[in-house]
Amino acid sequence: MEIGEMQKFVAAIVNDKLATMNSVHRQSTITTIKAENIAQHSFFVAYYALKIAKKLKLNDELKGEITIQALIHDIAESSSSDVPSNVKYQVPGLKQMLDKAEDFAINKYFPEIKDEFTSLRKHEAEGDIVGTVIKLADIIALIQFLKTERALGNQDATLLKVIRETYDNLGRYLDHLEEIVTDEQAKSVKTEDK
């Protein structure tokens, strides 16, 4: 690669749409004291996903895939903005519309990660180990944010209810993870017996 090519490449990165991730605030259905942007949230999700993957003793390839996909899981929101999860699923057809908006954003602004983003969607839909670990990390990041709000003195009337619901969701995903791990262990025992 020539120096001029690298300079153009670096200049393009400096002006990349990704920079807006630090100015797009995550939305909440509760009043918050502290704002969190999607860049901060994505960092926490990637970190927690890697911790979970290491605890599960996943191989390096899976740990890398999980970490990368966790890091980019909300990247399209730098263009489409954030919509709280509960709202996405309460309004009929909204999730599908937002998926189309995210696909548009990925194709237009982040084509270099289209394969990783498509893979993430596949893992989420299948509910496999990759998708489940990332979802768990996403929930953990939300719990951490909500706990910080409480520690800061947030008196929003629905905060405790949202925390309880989020912990319930965490429990469901932990149960699902346990099923996946148990199935994988059973498969490996069968393979060893052959």
Protein backbone atom coordinates (compact mmCIF):
# COMPACT_ATOMS: atom_id res chain seq x y z
CA MET A 1 0.00 0.00 0.00
CA GLU A 2 1.33 3.42 -0.91
CA ILE A 3 1.57 6.23 1.64
CA GLY A 4 -0.97 8.34 -0.27
CA GLU A 5 -3.48 5.50 -0.14
CA MET A 6 -3.05 5.16 3.60
CA GLN A 7 -3.51 8.92 4.07
CA LYS A 8 -6.78 8.78 2.12
CA PHE A 9 -7.89 5.75 4.10
CA VAL A 10 -7.12 7.45 7.44
CA ALA A 11 -8.84 10.67 6.31
CA ALA A 12 -11.96 8.66 5.47
CA ILE A 13 -11.90 7.06 8.92
CA VAL A 14 -11.55 10.47 10.59
CA ASN A 15 -14.71 11.59 8.79
CA ASP A 16 -16.53 8.28 9.27
CA LYS A 17 -20.20 8.20 10.30
CA LEU A 18 -19.11 6.12 13.29
CA ALA A 19 -18.03 9.29 15.10
CA THR A 20 -21.70 10.12 15.61
CA MET A 21 -22.07 7.11 17.94
CA ASN A 22 -20.83 9.28 20.80
CA SER A 23 -23.52 11.88 20.20
CA VAL A 24 -26.52 9.58 19.74
CA HIS A 25 -28.07 9.07 23.16
CA ARG A 26 -29.66 5.81 24.17
CA GLN A 27 -33.35 6.27 24.74
CA SER A 28 -35.18 5.14 27.82
CA THR A 29 -38.76 4.80 28.89
CA ILE A 30 -37.80 6.30 32.26
CA THR A 31 -36.45 9.71 33.15
CA THR A 32 -32.69 9.45 33.58
CA ILE A 33 -30.16 11.59 35.39
CA LYS A 34 -27.18 10.48 33.36
CA ALA A 35 -27.15 10.24 29.58
CA GLU A 36 -25.53 7.26 27.91
CA ASN A 37 -24.58 7.26 24.25
CA ILE A 38 -24.48 4.24 21.98
CA ALA A 39 -20.67 4.24 21.83
CA GLN A 40 -20.44 3.88 25.62
CA HIS A 41 -23.13 1.21 25.65
CA SER A 42 -21.47 -0.74 22.83
CA PHE A 43 -18.15 -0.72 24.67
CA PHE A 44 -19.76 -2.13 27.81
CA VAL A 45 -21.64 -4.80 25.86
CA ALA A 46 -18.43 -5.90 24.10
CA TYR A 47 -16.55 -6.02 27.40
CA TYR A 48 -19.23 -8.03 29.21
CA ALA A 49 -19.64 -10.36 26.23
CA LEU A 50 -15.92 -11.11 26.25
CA LYS A 51 -16.02 -11.77 30.01
CA ILE A 52 -18.92 -14.19 29.55
CA ALA A 53 -17.19 -15.92 26.61
CA LYS A 54 -14.04 -16.37 28.70
CA LYS A 55 -16.04 -17.73 31.64
CA LEU A 56 -17.63 -20.24 29.26
CA LYS A 57 -14.13 -21.15 28.02
CA LEU A 58 -15.17 -20.64 24.42
CA ASN A 59 -12.49 -21.01 21.78
CA ASP A 60 -10.61 -17.97 20.51
CA GLU A 61 -12.56 -17.86 17.25
CA LEU A 62 -15.90 -17.65 19.07
CA LYS A 63 -14.55 -15.13 21.59
CA GLY A 64 -13.41 -12.92 18.71
CA GLU A 65 -16.69 -13.23 16.85
CA ILE A 66 -18.71 -12.47 19.99
CA THR A 67 -16.58 -9.45 20.89
CA ILE A 68 -16.68 -7.93 17.40
CA GLN A 69 -20.40 -8.47 16.98
CA ALA A 70 -21.13 -7.11 20.46
CA LEU A 71 -19.10 -4.02 19.63
CA ILE A 72 -21.12 -3.36 16.45
CA HIS A 73 -24.53 -4.55 17.67
CA ASP A 74 -25.92 -0.98 17.80
CA ILE A 75 -23.69 0.69 15.18
CA ALA A 76 -26.58 1.33 12.78
CA GLU A 77 -28.23 3.44 15.49
CA SER A 78 -25.64 6.12 14.73
CA SER A 79 -27.82 6.73 11.69
CA SER A 80 -31.28 5.46 12.68
CA SER A 81 -31.14 6.52 16.37
CA ASP A 82 -32.08 4.37 19.35
CA VAL A 83 -35.54 3.07 20.17
CA PRO A 84 -36.07 1.33 23.54
CA SER A 85 -36.44 -2.44 23.25
CA ASN A 86 -39.85 -2.62 24.86
CA VAL A 87 -41.18 -0.04 22.37
CA LYS A 88 -39.72 -1.98 19.40
CA TYR A 89 -41.78 -5.01 20.31
CA GLN A 90 -44.98 -3.30 21.51
CA VAL A 91 -45.73 -1.45 18.28
CA PRO A 92 -46.74 -3.91 15.55
CA GLY A 93 -44.34 -3.82 12.61
CA LEU A 94 -41.96 -1.33 14.22
CA LYS A 95 -39.15 -3.88 14.76
CA GLN A 96 -39.26 -4.86 11.07
CA MET A 97 -39.20 -1.19 9.99
CA LEU A 98 -36.24 -0.49 12.27
CA ASP A 99 -34.41 -3.54 10.90
CA LYS A 100 -34.85 -2.13 7.39
CA ALA A 101 -33.55 1.27 8.55
CA GLU A 102 -30.55 -0.43 10.15
CA ASP A 103 -29.87 -2.43 6.98
CA PHE A 104 -29.97 0.81 4.99
CA ALA A 105 -27.52 2.45 7.42
CA ILE A 106 -25.14 -0.51 7.31
CA ASN A 107 -25.20 -0.61 3.50
CA LYS A 108 -24.72 3.15 3.17
CA TYR A 109 -22.31 4.02 5.98
CA PHE A 110 -20.68 0.78 7.12
CA PRO A 111 -20.50 -1.61 4.15
CA GLU A 112 -17.16 -2.99 5.40
CA ILE A 113 -18.92 -4.66 8.35
CA LYS A 114 -22.01 -5.85 6.51
CA ASP A 115 -20.98 -9.52 6.83
CA GLU A 116 -20.44 -9.22 10.58
CA PHE A 117 -23.74 -7.38 11.05
CA THR A 118 -25.60 -9.99 8.96
CA SER A 119 -23.97 -12.75 11.02
CA LEU A 120 -25.05 -10.99 14.23
CA ARG A 121 -28.66 -10.88 13.04
CA LYS A 122 -28.48 -14.59 12.20
CA HIS A 123 -27.12 -15.46 15.65
CA GLU A 124 -29.81 -13.33 17.32
CA ALA A 125 -32.57 -15.04 15.31
CA GLU A 126 -31.22 -18.53 16.03
CA GLY A 127 -30.67 -17.81 19.72
CA ASP A 128 -27.37 -19.68 19.59
CA ILE A 129 -24.39 -19.22 21.90
CA VAL A 130 -23.12 -16.12 20.08
CA GLY A 131 -26.48 -14.36 20.03
CA THR A 132 -27.28 -15.37 23.60
CA VAL A 133 -23.95 -14.19 25.03
CA ILE A 134 -24.34 -10.83 23.27
CA LYS A 135 -27.92 -10.46 24.51
CA LEU A 136 -26.83 -11.30 28.06
CA ALA A 137 -24.06 -8.70 27.84
CA ASP A 138 -26.58 -6.16 26.52
CA ILE A 139 -28.87 -6.83 29.47
CA ILE A 140 -25.96 -6.62 31.94
CA ALA A 141 -24.96 -3.24 30.48
CA LEU A 142 -28.55 -2.05 30.95
CA ILE A 143 -28.64 -3.29 34.54
CA GLN A 144 -25.38 -1.50 35.28
CA PHE A 145 -26.82 1.71 33.83
CA LEU A 146 -30.04 1.36 35.84
CA LYS A 147 -28.11 0.66 39.04
CA THR A 148 -26.05 3.78 38.43
CA GLU A 149 -29.25 5.78 37.99
CA ARG A 150 -30.54 4.47 41.31
CA ALA A 151 -27.21 5.24 43.02
CA LEU A 152 -27.36 8.79 41.64
CA GLY A 153 -30.72 9.20 43.36
CA ASN A 154 -33.05 8.72 40.40
CA GLN A 155 -36.56 8.83 41.83
CA ASP A 156 -38.45 7.95 38.64
CA ALA A 157 -41.52 6.03 39.77
CA THR A 158 -40.98 3.21 37.28
CA LEU A 159 -37.22 2.72 37.83
CA LEU A 160 -37.59 -0.17 40.30
CA LYS A 161 -40.16 -1.84 38.05
CA VAL A 162 -37.81 -1.56 35.05
CA ILE A 163 -34.92 -2.96 37.12
CA ARG A 164 -37.06 -5.95 38.20
CA GLU A 165 -38.22 -6.58 34.61
CA THR A 166 -34.62 -6.37 33.38
CA TYR A 167 -33.46 -8.88 35.99
CA ASP A 168 -36.34 -11.17 34.94
CA ASN A 169 -35.15 -10.88 31.35
CA LEU A 170 -31.61 -11.64 32.50
CA GLY A 171 -32.89 -14.78 34.22
CA ARG A 172 -34.60 -15.96 31.04
CA TYR A 173 -31.42 -15.51 29.01
CA LEU A 174 -29.31 -17.22 31.68
CA ASP A 175 -31.71 -20.19 31.56
CA HIS A 176 -31.42 -20.24 27.77
CA LEU A 177 -27.63 -20.10 27.99
CA GLU A 178 -27.65 -23.02 30.41
CA GLU A 179 -29.74 -25.04 27.93
CA ILE A 180 -27.32 -24.24 25.10
CA VAL A 181 -24.26 -25.15 27.17
CA THR A 182 -25.88 -28.37 28.38
CA ASP A 183 -26.76 -29.32 24.78
CA GLU A 184 -23.20 -28.57 23.62
CA GLN A 185 -21.73 -30.64 26.45
CA ALA A 186 -24.04 -33.54 25.60
CA LYS A 187 -22.98 -33.33 21.95
CA SER A 188 -19.29 -33.36 22.84
CA VAL A 189 -19.76 -36.42 25.10
CA LYS A 190 -21.52 -38.27 22.26
CA THR A 191 -18.70 -37.33 19.89
CA GLU A 192 -16.07 -38.57 22.37
CA ASP A 193 -17.93 -41.88 22.78
CA LYS A 194 -17.74 -42.63 19.05
